Amino acid sequence: MKLGQWLINKITRTLEPELQDAVVGDVAELKMSDRRAICELVGLVVRRQAQPWKTWRPWLALVGIVGPVGVLLSRISAGVVTSFSIQAIAYWKYGVPYSSGLTEAQEIESLVCFSLAVICWSWVGGFALGTLSGDAFYVNGTLFCLVWFCLCGPLQMLIYSARLVLNALHLMPHTALPHNLAQFIFFAALP
């Protein structure tokens, strides 16, 4: 299969199933070149994806949920991971639990409460995002995941790596640095 035909097939898959056959038939009937067919299909997909954004609901989901709830969710998850990381680093290095002034039961209670907060905020945010977004859910859902990715997810591993490099060059102090590669990979990849 040629690249143009493969790309046309991939683009038409983004359309609704009942529209796919009609679009493929129209492209074959008009005997368009692959380049022109791809341009026309991309234009059709963009117009169809832009249609839901003419109402206020997807914009409310974007401004009211993706922004604030995405940031809040990533901060809560970062707090949970940080708390767990501190406990794990202290136990790994010294063989004793980290003492923050709370009893072990209170530490566990705190970790469970924050974990439940992440679960609840994720569910509520996803439900409200899906309800408000409608057909624009894929765009808003992708942006919601990008907010998490940039503030709490895998991007944090890159930021942590940059901090390690800056610390090695004595440009930035960094506390609780792991002393070997296994600890670095474990604690950097943990979020």
N, C-alpha and C. Protein backbone atom coordinates (compact mmCIF):
# COMPACT_ATOMS: atom_id res chain seq x y z
N MET A 1 0.85 -1.18 0.00
CA MET A 1 0.00 0.00 0.00
C MET A 1 0.89 1.24 0.00
N LYS A 2 0.54 2.18 -0.83
CA LYS A 2 1.31 3.41 -0.92
C LYS A 2 1.08 4.26 0.33
N LEU A 3 2.03 5.14 0.59
CA LEU A 3 1.96 6.02 1.76
C LEU A 3 0.71 6.90 1.71
N GLY A 4 0.39 7.43 0.54
CA GLY A 4 -0.79 8.29 0.40
C GLY A 4 -2.07 7.56 0.75
N GLN A 5 -2.23 6.34 0.25
CA GLN A 5 -3.43 5.55 0.55
C GLN A 5 -3.49 5.19 2.04
N TRP A 6 -2.33 4.86 2.61
CA TRP A 6 -2.29 4.54 4.03
C TRP A 6 -2.72 5.74 4.86
N LEU A 7 -2.22 6.94 4.50
CA LEU A 7 -2.56 8.15 5.22
C LEU A 7 -4.03 8.49 5.05
N ILE A 8 -4.58 8.30 3.86
CA ILE A 8 -6.01 8.54 3.62
C ILE A 8 -6.84 7.61 4.51
N ASN A 9 -6.45 6.36 4.60
CA ASN A 9 -7.18 5.41 5.47
C ASN A 9 -7.12 5.83 6.93
N LYS A 10 -5.95 6.28 7.38
CA LYS A 10 -5.82 6.71 8.77
C LYS A 10 -6.67 7.96 9.05
N ILE A 11 -6.69 8.90 8.12
CA ILE A 11 -7.47 10.12 8.32
C ILE A 11 -8.96 9.81 8.33
N THR A 12 -9.41 8.93 7.44
CA THR A 12 -10.84 8.63 7.41
C THR A 12 -11.29 7.87 8.65
N ARG A 13 -10.38 7.19 9.32
CA ARG A 13 -10.76 6.50 10.56
C ARG A 13 -11.12 7.47 11.68
N THR A 14 -10.70 8.72 11.57
CA THR A 14 -11.05 9.69 12.60
C THR A 14 -12.49 10.19 12.46
N LEU A 15 -13.12 9.88 11.34
CA LEU A 15 -14.52 10.28 11.12
C LEU A 15 -15.46 9.24 11.71
N GLU A 16 -16.73 9.60 11.82
CA GLU A 16 -17.74 8.67 12.30
C GLU A 16 -17.85 7.49 11.34
N PRO A 17 -18.18 6.30 11.84
CA PRO A 17 -18.22 5.10 10.98
C PRO A 17 -19.18 5.24 9.79
N GLU A 18 -20.33 5.86 9.99
CA GLU A 18 -21.28 5.99 8.89
C GLU A 18 -20.80 6.98 7.82
N LEU A 19 -19.89 7.87 8.19
CA LEU A 19 -19.37 8.86 7.25
C LEU A 19 -18.13 8.35 6.51
N GLN A 20 -17.44 7.38 7.07
CA GLN A 20 -16.20 6.88 6.48
C GLN A 20 -16.40 6.33 5.07
N ASP A 21 -17.41 5.47 4.92
CA ASP A 21 -17.64 4.86 3.61
C ASP A 21 -18.01 5.90 2.56
N ALA A 22 -18.82 6.87 2.96
CA ALA A 22 -19.23 7.92 2.02
C ALA A 22 -18.03 8.74 1.57
N VAL A 23 -17.14 9.08 2.51
CA VAL A 23 -15.98 9.90 2.17
C VAL A 23 -15.02 9.12 1.28
N VAL A 24 -14.77 7.86 1.59
CA VAL A 24 -13.88 7.04 0.76
C VAL A 24 -14.48 6.89 -0.64
N GLY A 25 -15.79 6.70 -0.72
CA GLY A 25 -16.46 6.59 -2.02
C GLY A 25 -16.35 7.88 -2.81
N ASP A 26 -16.52 9.01 -2.15
CA ASP A 26 -16.40 10.30 -2.84
C ASP A 26 -14.99 10.52 -3.36
N VAL A 27 -14.01 10.18 -2.56
CA VAL A 27 -12.62 10.35 -2.99
C VAL A 27 -12.33 9.47 -4.20
N ALA A 28 -12.83 8.23 -4.18
CA ALA A 28 -12.60 7.32 -5.31
C ALA A 28 -13.37 7.80 -6.54
N GLU A 29 -14.59 8.28 -6.35
CA GLU A 29 -15.42 8.72 -7.47
C GLU A 29 -14.85 9.96 -8.15
N LEU A 30 -14.30 10.87 -7.36
CA LEU A 30 -13.74 12.10 -7.92
C LEU A 30 -12.34 11.90 -8.50
N LYS A 31 -11.74 10.74 -8.27
CA LYS A 31 -10.41 10.40 -8.77
C LYS A 31 -9.39 11.49 -8.44
N MET A 32 -9.38 11.88 -7.16
CA MET A 32 -8.43 12.90 -6.70
C MET A 32 -7.05 12.28 -6.55
N SER A 33 -6.04 13.11 -6.68
CA SER A 33 -4.69 12.64 -6.38
C SER A 33 -4.60 12.44 -4.86
N ASP A 34 -3.63 11.65 -4.45
CA ASP A 34 -3.49 11.38 -3.01
C ASP A 34 -3.25 12.66 -2.23
N ARG A 35 -2.43 13.52 -2.76
CA ARG A 35 -2.11 14.78 -2.08
C ARG A 35 -3.37 15.63 -1.89
N ARG A 36 -4.17 15.78 -2.94
CA ARG A 36 -5.38 16.58 -2.84
C ARG A 36 -6.40 15.92 -1.91
N ALA A 37 -6.52 14.60 -2.00
CA ALA A 37 -7.45 13.88 -1.12
C ALA A 37 -7.06 14.06 0.34
N ILE A 38 -5.77 14.00 0.64
CA ILE A 38 -5.31 14.19 2.02
C ILE A 38 -5.63 15.60 2.49
N CYS A 39 -5.38 16.60 1.66
CA CYS A 39 -5.70 17.99 2.04
C CYS A 39 -7.19 18.16 2.29
N GLU A 40 -8.02 17.61 1.42
CA GLU A 40 -9.48 17.73 1.58
C GLU A 40 -9.95 17.00 2.84
N LEU A 41 -9.39 15.82 3.09
CA LEU A 41 -9.80 15.05 4.27
C LEU A 41 -9.37 15.74 5.57
N VAL A 42 -8.16 16.29 5.58
CA VAL A 42 -7.70 17.02 6.77
C VAL A 42 -8.60 18.22 7.02
N GLY A 43 -8.96 18.93 5.96
CA GLY A 43 -9.88 20.05 6.10
C GLY A 43 -11.23 19.62 6.65
N LEU A 44 -11.76 18.49 6.16
CA LEU A 44 -13.03 17.97 6.66
C LEU A 44 -12.94 17.61 8.14
N VAL A 45 -11.85 16.93 8.51
CA VAL A 45 -11.68 16.53 9.91
C VAL A 45 -11.56 17.75 10.81
N VAL A 46 -10.80 18.75 10.39
CA VAL A 46 -10.64 19.96 11.20
C VAL A 46 -11.98 20.68 11.36
N ARG A 47 -12.75 20.78 10.26
CA ARG A 47 -14.07 21.44 10.36
C ARG A 47 -15.00 20.67 11.28
N ARG A 48 -14.97 19.34 11.21
CA ARG A 48 -15.85 18.54 12.07
C ARG A 48 -15.42 18.60 13.53
N GLN A 49 -14.10 18.69 13.78
CA GLN A 49 -13.62 18.80 15.15
C GLN A 49 -13.86 20.20 15.72
N ALA A 50 -13.90 21.21 14.88
CA ALA A 50 -14.12 22.57 15.35
C ALA A 50 -15.59 22.85 15.64
N GLN A 51 -16.48 22.05 15.08
CA GLN A 51 -17.92 22.27 15.24
C GLN A 51 -18.37 22.33 16.71
N PRO A 52 -17.97 21.40 17.57
CA PRO A 52 -18.45 21.45 18.96
C PRO A 52 -17.96 22.68 19.72
N TRP A 53 -16.89 23.31 19.28
CA TRP A 53 -16.33 24.45 20.00
C TRP A 53 -17.12 25.73 19.76
N LYS A 54 -18.20 25.66 19.01
CA LYS A 54 -19.03 26.84 18.78
C LYS A 54 -19.99 27.08 19.94
N THR A 55 -20.07 26.15 20.86
CA THR A 55 -20.92 26.33 22.04
C THR A 55 -20.04 26.65 23.25
N TRP A 56 -20.66 27.00 24.36
CA TRP A 56 -19.93 27.42 25.55
C TRP A 56 -19.46 26.25 26.40
N ARG A 57 -20.06 25.09 26.29
CA ARG A 57 -19.76 23.98 27.20
C ARG A 57 -18.32 23.46 27.09
N PRO A 58 -17.78 23.22 25.89
CA PRO A 58 -16.38 22.77 25.83
C PRO A 58 -15.41 23.82 26.36
N TRP A 59 -15.73 25.09 26.17
CA TRP A 59 -14.86 26.15 26.67
C TRP A 59 -14.89 26.18 28.20
N LEU A 60 -16.07 25.96 28.79
CA LEU A 60 -16.16 25.89 30.25
C LEU A 60 -15.36 24.71 30.77
N ALA A 61 -15.45 23.58 30.07
CA ALA A 61 -14.67 22.41 30.49
C ALA A 61 -13.18 22.70 30.40
N LEU A 62 -12.78 23.40 29.35
CA LEU A 62 -11.36 23.72 29.18
C LEU A 62 -10.87 24.67 30.27
N VAL A 63 -11.61 25.74 30.50
CA VAL A 63 -11.17 26.76 31.46
C VAL A 63 -11.47 26.36 32.90
N GLY A 64 -12.58 25.66 33.12
CA GLY A 64 -12.99 25.35 34.48
C GLY A 64 -12.50 24.03 35.02
N ILE A 65 -12.16 23.09 34.13
CA ILE A 65 -11.76 21.77 34.62
C ILE A 65 -10.32 21.45 34.23
N VAL A 66 -9.99 21.59 32.96
CA VAL A 66 -8.64 21.23 32.53
C VAL A 66 -7.61 22.06 33.27
N GLY A 67 -7.84 23.37 33.36
CA GLY A 67 -6.89 24.23 34.05
C GLY A 67 -6.82 23.98 35.53
N PRO A 68 -7.85 24.38 36.30
CA PRO A 68 -7.74 24.28 37.76
C PRO A 68 -7.71 22.85 38.30
N VAL A 69 -8.59 21.99 37.81
CA VAL A 69 -8.63 20.62 38.36
C VAL A 69 -7.40 19.84 37.92
N GLY A 70 -6.94 20.07 36.70
CA GLY A 70 -5.72 19.38 36.25
C GLY A 70 -4.52 19.77 37.10
N VAL A 71 -4.39 21.05 37.39
CA VAL A 71 -3.28 21.52 38.22
C VAL A 71 -3.43 20.98 39.64
N LEU A 72 -4.64 21.07 40.21
CA LEU A 72 -4.88 20.57 41.57
C LEU A 72 -4.58 19.08 41.65
N LEU A 73 -5.07 18.33 40.68
CA LEU A 73 -4.84 16.88 40.68
C LEU A 73 -3.36 16.55 40.59
N SER A 74 -2.64 17.27 39.74
CA SER A 74 -1.21 16.97 39.62
C SER A 74 -0.47 17.35 40.89
N ARG A 75 -0.88 18.43 41.55
CA ARG A 75 -0.22 18.82 42.81
C ARG A 75 -0.50 17.82 43.93
N ILE A 76 -1.75 17.34 44.01
CA ILE A 76 -2.07 16.35 45.04
C ILE A 76 -1.29 15.07 44.78
N SER A 77 -1.25 14.63 43.50
CA SER A 77 -0.50 13.41 43.21
C SER A 77 0.98 13.58 43.47
N ALA A 78 1.51 14.76 43.18
CA ALA A 78 2.92 15.00 43.47
C ALA A 78 3.16 14.95 44.98
N GLY A 79 2.21 15.44 45.77
CA GLY A 79 2.33 15.37 47.23
C GLY A 79 2.33 13.94 47.73
N VAL A 80 1.46 13.12 47.16
CA VAL A 80 1.41 11.71 47.55
C VAL A 80 2.72 11.03 47.20
N VAL A 81 3.20 11.26 46.00
CA VAL A 81 4.45 10.63 45.56
C VAL A 81 5.62 11.13 46.39
N THR A 82 5.64 12.44 46.69
CA THR A 82 6.72 12.99 47.51
C THR A 82 6.72 12.37 48.90
N SER A 83 5.54 12.27 49.50
CA SER A 83 5.44 11.67 50.82
C SER A 83 5.93 10.22 50.80
N PHE A 84 5.49 9.50 49.80
CA PHE A 84 5.93 8.11 49.68
C PHE A 84 7.43 8.04 49.42
N SER A 85 7.94 8.94 48.58
CA SER A 85 9.37 8.93 48.25
C SER A 85 10.22 9.22 49.48
N ILE A 86 9.79 10.19 50.28
CA ILE A 86 10.55 10.51 51.49
C ILE A 86 10.61 9.30 52.41
N GLN A 87 9.47 8.64 52.58
CA GLN A 87 9.44 7.45 53.42
C GLN A 87 10.35 6.36 52.85
N ALA A 88 10.27 6.17 51.51
CA ALA A 88 11.06 5.11 50.88
C ALA A 88 12.56 5.42 50.95
N ILE A 89 12.94 6.69 50.72
CA ILE A 89 14.36 7.05 50.77
C ILE A 89 14.91 6.85 52.18
N ALA A 90 14.16 7.30 53.18
CA ALA A 90 14.63 7.15 54.57
C ALA A 90 14.76 5.67 54.93
N TYR A 91 13.79 4.87 54.51
CA TYR A 91 13.87 3.45 54.84
C TYR A 91 14.98 2.78 54.06
N TRP A 92 15.17 3.18 52.80
CA TRP A 92 16.21 2.59 51.96
C TRP A 92 17.59 2.93 52.50
N LYS A 93 17.82 4.19 52.86
CA LYS A 93 19.14 4.62 53.32
C LYS A 93 19.46 4.16 54.73
N TYR A 94 18.49 4.34 55.64
CA TYR A 94 18.78 4.16 57.06
C TYR A 94 18.08 2.96 57.69
N GLY A 95 17.13 2.37 56.99
CA GLY A 95 16.44 1.20 57.51
C GLY A 95 15.38 1.52 58.55
N VAL A 96 15.03 2.79 58.71
CA VAL A 96 13.99 3.19 59.65
C VAL A 96 13.00 4.10 58.93
N PRO A 97 11.75 4.15 59.41
CA PRO A 97 10.79 5.05 58.79
C PRO A 97 11.13 6.52 59.05
N TYR A 98 10.78 7.37 58.13
CA TYR A 98 11.00 8.81 58.27
C TYR A 98 10.04 9.33 59.33
N SER A 99 10.54 10.15 60.23
CA SER A 99 9.70 10.68 61.30
C SER A 99 9.35 12.14 61.00
N SER A 100 8.09 12.37 60.73
CA SER A 100 7.63 13.73 60.46
C SER A 100 6.87 14.30 61.66
N GLY A 101 6.91 13.60 62.76
CA GLY A 101 6.20 14.07 63.95
C GLY A 101 4.85 13.38 64.11
N LEU A 102 4.44 12.65 63.09
CA LEU A 102 3.19 11.91 63.15
C LEU A 102 3.48 10.47 63.55
N THR A 103 2.49 9.84 64.12
CA THR A 103 2.64 8.41 64.41
C THR A 103 2.53 7.64 63.10
N GLU A 104 2.90 6.37 63.15
CA GLU A 104 2.82 5.56 61.92
C GLU A 104 1.38 5.47 61.43
N ALA A 105 0.43 5.36 62.35
CA ALA A 105 -0.99 5.29 61.96
C ALA A 105 -1.42 6.60 61.29
N GLN A 106 -0.97 7.72 61.81
CA GLN A 106 -1.32 9.01 61.21
C GLN A 106 -0.67 9.18 59.84
N GLU A 107 0.56 8.68 59.69
CA GLU A 107 1.23 8.72 58.38
C GLU A 107 0.44 7.92 57.36
N ILE A 108 0.05 6.72 57.74
CA ILE A 108 -0.73 5.86 56.84
C ILE A 108 -2.07 6.51 56.52
N GLU A 109 -2.72 7.07 57.55
CA GLU A 109 -4.00 7.75 57.36
C GLU A 109 -3.85 8.92 56.39
N SER A 110 -2.80 9.68 56.54
CA SER A 110 -2.54 10.81 55.65
C SER A 110 -2.32 10.35 54.21
N LEU A 111 -1.51 9.30 54.04
CA LEU A 111 -1.25 8.77 52.71
C LEU A 111 -2.53 8.22 52.07
N VAL A 112 -3.36 7.53 52.85
CA VAL A 112 -4.62 6.99 52.33
C VAL A 112 -5.57 8.13 51.95
N CYS A 113 -5.67 9.15 52.79
CA CYS A 113 -6.56 10.28 52.49
C CYS A 113 -6.13 11.01 51.23
N PHE A 114 -4.84 11.24 51.08
CA PHE A 114 -4.37 11.91 49.86
C PHE A 114 -4.57 11.03 48.63
N SER A 115 -4.38 9.73 48.79
CA SER A 115 -4.59 8.82 47.67
C SER A 115 -6.07 8.79 47.27
N LEU A 116 -6.95 8.79 48.26
CA LEU A 116 -8.39 8.85 47.96
C LEU A 116 -8.77 10.19 47.32
N ALA A 117 -8.09 11.25 47.73
CA ALA A 117 -8.35 12.55 47.11
C ALA A 117 -7.96 12.52 45.63
N VAL A 118 -6.84 11.88 45.31
CA VAL A 118 -6.44 11.76 43.90
C VAL A 118 -7.49 10.96 43.12
N ILE A 119 -7.93 9.86 43.69
CA ILE A 119 -8.92 9.02 43.01
C ILE A 119 -10.22 9.79 42.81
N CYS A 120 -10.70 10.47 43.85
CA CYS A 120 -11.97 11.20 43.75
C CYS A 120 -11.87 12.37 42.78
N TRP A 121 -10.81 13.15 42.86
CA TRP A 121 -10.64 14.28 41.95
C TRP A 121 -10.50 13.79 40.51
N SER A 122 -9.85 12.67 40.30
CA SER A 122 -9.72 12.12 38.96
C SER A 122 -11.08 11.73 38.40
N TRP A 123 -11.87 11.04 39.22
CA TRP A 123 -13.18 10.61 38.76
C TRP A 123 -14.10 11.80 38.51
N VAL A 124 -14.17 12.71 39.48
CA VAL A 124 -15.04 13.88 39.33
C VAL A 124 -14.60 14.73 38.14
N GLY A 125 -13.30 14.95 38.01
CA GLY A 125 -12.79 15.74 36.89
C GLY A 125 -13.10 15.08 35.56
N GLY A 126 -12.89 13.77 35.46
CA GLY A 126 -13.18 13.05 34.22
C GLY A 126 -14.66 13.05 33.89
N PHE A 127 -15.51 12.85 34.90
CA PHE A 127 -16.96 12.85 34.67
C PHE A 127 -17.45 14.22 34.21
N ALA A 128 -17.01 15.26 34.91
CA ALA A 128 -17.43 16.62 34.52
C ALA A 128 -16.85 17.00 33.16
N LEU A 129 -15.64 16.60 32.91
CA LEU A 129 -15.01 16.89 31.62
C LEU A 129 -15.78 16.22 30.49
N GLY A 130 -16.13 14.96 30.68
CA GLY A 130 -16.89 14.23 29.66
C GLY A 130 -18.28 14.80 29.47
N THR A 131 -18.92 15.19 30.56
CA THR A 131 -20.27 15.74 30.48
C THR A 131 -20.28 17.09 29.78
N LEU A 132 -19.36 17.95 30.14
CA LEU A 132 -19.35 19.29 29.56
C LEU A 132 -18.77 19.32 28.15
N SER A 133 -17.79 18.50 27.88
CA SER A 133 -17.09 18.60 26.60
C SER A 133 -17.90 18.09 25.42
N GLY A 134 -18.66 17.03 25.63
CA GLY A 134 -19.41 16.45 24.52
C GLY A 134 -18.46 15.91 23.47
N ASP A 135 -18.63 16.37 22.22
CA ASP A 135 -17.78 15.88 21.12
C ASP A 135 -16.37 16.43 21.19
N ALA A 136 -16.14 17.44 21.99
CA ALA A 136 -14.80 18.01 22.13
C ALA A 136 -14.02 17.31 23.24
N PHE A 137 -14.51 16.16 23.69
CA PHE A 137 -13.87 15.45 24.80
C PHE A 137 -12.45 15.04 24.47
N TYR A 138 -12.19 14.63 23.24
CA TYR A 138 -10.84 14.16 22.90
C TYR A 138 -9.81 15.27 23.02
N VAL A 139 -10.18 16.47 22.61
CA VAL A 139 -9.26 17.60 22.73
C VAL A 139 -9.06 17.96 24.20
N ASN A 140 -10.17 18.12 24.94
CA ASN A 140 -10.06 18.49 26.35
C ASN A 140 -9.40 17.38 27.16
N GLY A 141 -9.72 16.13 26.86
CA GLY A 141 -9.08 15.01 27.57
C GLY A 141 -7.59 14.96 27.34
N THR A 142 -7.19 15.23 26.10
CA THR A 142 -5.76 15.26 25.78
C THR A 142 -5.07 16.39 26.53
N LEU A 143 -5.69 17.56 26.56
CA LEU A 143 -5.10 18.69 27.29
C LEU A 143 -5.03 18.40 28.79
N PHE A 144 -6.06 17.75 29.34
CA PHE A 144 -6.07 17.37 30.75
C PHE A 144 -4.89 16.45 31.05
N CYS A 145 -4.65 15.47 30.18
CA CYS A 145 -3.51 14.56 30.37
C CYS A 145 -2.18 15.29 30.21
N LEU A 146 -2.11 16.26 29.29
CA LEU A 146 -0.88 17.03 29.12
C LEU A 146 -0.57 17.87 30.35
N VAL A 147 -1.62 18.42 30.99
CA VAL A 147 -1.39 19.18 32.23
C VAL A 147 -0.79 18.26 33.27
N TRP A 148 -1.33 17.06 33.41
CA TRP A 148 -0.78 16.10 34.37
C TRP A 148 0.65 15.73 33.97
N PHE A 149 0.86 15.47 32.68
CA PHE A 149 2.17 15.06 32.20
C PHE A 149 3.23 16.11 32.49
N CYS A 150 2.87 17.36 32.27
CA CYS A 150 3.85 18.44 32.45
C CYS A 150 4.09 18.76 33.92
N LEU A 151 3.08 18.64 34.76
CA LEU A 151 3.23 19.05 36.15
C LEU A 151 3.57 17.91 37.10
N CYS A 152 3.25 16.68 36.73
CA CYS A 152 3.43 15.61 37.70
C CYS A 152 3.99 14.34 37.09
N GLY A 153 3.80 14.13 35.84
CA GLY A 153 4.12 12.85 35.24
C GLY A 153 5.55 12.69 34.79
N PRO A 154 5.75 12.05 33.67
CA PRO A 154 7.09 11.72 33.18
C PRO A 154 7.99 12.94 32.95
N LEU A 155 7.40 14.09 32.71
CA LEU A 155 8.23 15.28 32.53
C LEU A 155 9.00 15.59 33.82
N GLN A 156 8.42 15.22 34.96
CA GLN A 156 9.10 15.43 36.23
C GLN A 156 10.41 14.66 36.29
N MET A 157 10.47 13.51 35.61
CA MET A 157 11.72 12.75 35.59
C MET A 157 12.81 13.54 34.89
N LEU A 158 12.44 14.23 33.81
CA LEU A 158 13.41 15.07 33.12
C LEU A 158 13.85 16.25 33.99
N ILE A 159 12.89 16.84 34.69
CA ILE A 159 13.21 17.96 35.57
C ILE A 159 14.12 17.47 36.70
N TYR A 160 13.83 16.31 37.26
CA TYR A 160 14.65 15.74 38.32
C TYR A 160 16.06 15.48 37.81
N SER A 161 16.15 14.98 36.57
CA SER A 161 17.48 14.74 35.97
C SER A 161 18.24 16.05 35.81
N ALA A 162 17.55 17.10 35.38
CA ALA A 162 18.20 18.40 35.22
C ALA A 162 18.68 18.92 36.57
N ARG A 163 17.89 18.70 37.62
CA ARG A 163 18.31 19.11 38.95
C ARG A 163 19.57 18.37 39.39
N LEU A 164 19.65 17.09 39.05
CA LEU A 164 20.84 16.32 39.39
C LEU A 164 22.07 16.86 38.68
N VAL A 165 21.91 17.20 37.41
CA VAL A 165 23.03 17.76 36.64
C VAL A 165 23.46 19.10 37.23
N LEU A 166 22.48 19.97 37.53
CA LEU A 166 22.80 21.27 38.12
C LEU A 166 23.46 21.11 39.49
N ASN A 167 23.04 20.11 40.24
CA ASN A 167 23.66 19.85 41.53
C ASN A 167 25.09 19.36 41.35
N ALA A 168 25.31 18.51 40.35
CA ALA A 168 26.66 18.01 40.09
C ALA A 168 27.60 19.14 39.68
N LEU A 169 27.06 20.15 39.03
CA LEU A 169 27.88 21.31 38.62
C LEU A 169 27.95 22.37 39.71
N HIS A 170 27.35 22.08 40.86
CA HIS A 170 27.32 22.99 42.02
C HIS A 170 26.62 24.31 41.68
N LEU A 171 25.60 24.24 40.83
CA LEU A 171 24.82 25.42 40.48
C LEU A 171 23.50 25.49 41.23
N MET A 172 23.06 24.34 41.78
CA MET A 172 21.79 24.29 42.47
C MET A 172 21.85 23.23 43.56
N PRO A 173 21.54 23.59 44.79
CA PRO A 173 21.54 22.57 45.84
C PRO A 173 20.34 21.64 45.68
N HIS A 174 20.53 20.42 46.02
CA HIS A 174 19.44 19.45 45.93
C HIS A 174 19.51 18.55 47.15
N THR A 175 18.42 18.40 47.84
CA THR A 175 18.41 17.58 49.05
C THR A 175 17.95 16.17 48.72
N ALA A 176 18.32 15.25 49.54
CA ALA A 176 17.91 13.84 49.45
C ALA A 176 18.25 13.23 48.10
N LEU A 177 19.48 13.46 47.65
CA LEU A 177 19.89 12.87 46.38
C LEU A 177 20.19 11.39 46.57
N PRO A 178 19.72 10.55 45.67
CA PRO A 178 20.12 9.14 45.72
C PRO A 178 21.60 9.03 45.40
N HIS A 179 22.25 8.02 45.97
CA HIS A 179 23.69 7.90 45.82
C HIS A 179 24.11 6.94 44.72
N ASN A 180 23.18 6.19 44.16
CA ASN A 180 23.57 5.32 43.06
C ASN A 180 22.50 5.32 41.98
N LEU A 181 22.80 4.72 40.84
CA LEU A 181 21.92 4.76 39.69
C LEU A 181 20.59 4.04 39.95
N ALA A 182 20.61 2.93 40.67
CA ALA A 182 19.37 2.20 40.95
C ALA A 182 18.40 3.07 41.75
N GLN A 183 18.93 3.78 42.76
CA GLN A 183 18.06 4.66 43.54
C GLN A 183 17.53 5.79 42.66
N PHE A 184 18.39 6.36 41.80
CA PHE A 184 17.95 7.44 40.92
C PHE A 184 16.80 6.98 40.04
N ILE A 185 16.95 5.83 39.39
CA ILE A 185 15.92 5.36 38.48
C ILE A 185 14.64 5.08 39.26
N PHE A 186 14.74 4.46 40.43
CA PHE A 186 13.56 4.13 41.22
C PHE A 186 12.80 5.39 41.63
N PHE A 187 13.51 6.37 42.19
CA PHE A 187 12.83 7.55 42.72
C PHE A 187 12.50 8.59 41.66
N ALA A 188 13.22 8.60 40.56
CA ALA A 188 12.88 9.54 39.48
C ALA A 188 11.70 9.03 38.68
N ALA A 189 11.61 7.72 38.50
CA ALA A 189 10.52 7.15 37.72
C ALA A 189 9.27 6.92 38.54
N LEU A 190 9.35 7.05 39.85
CA LEU A 190 8.21 6.76 40.72
C LEU A 190 6.96 7.57 40.40
N PRO A 191 7.05 8.88 40.14
CA PRO A 191 5.83 9.61 39.83
C PRO A 191 5.13 9.07 38.60
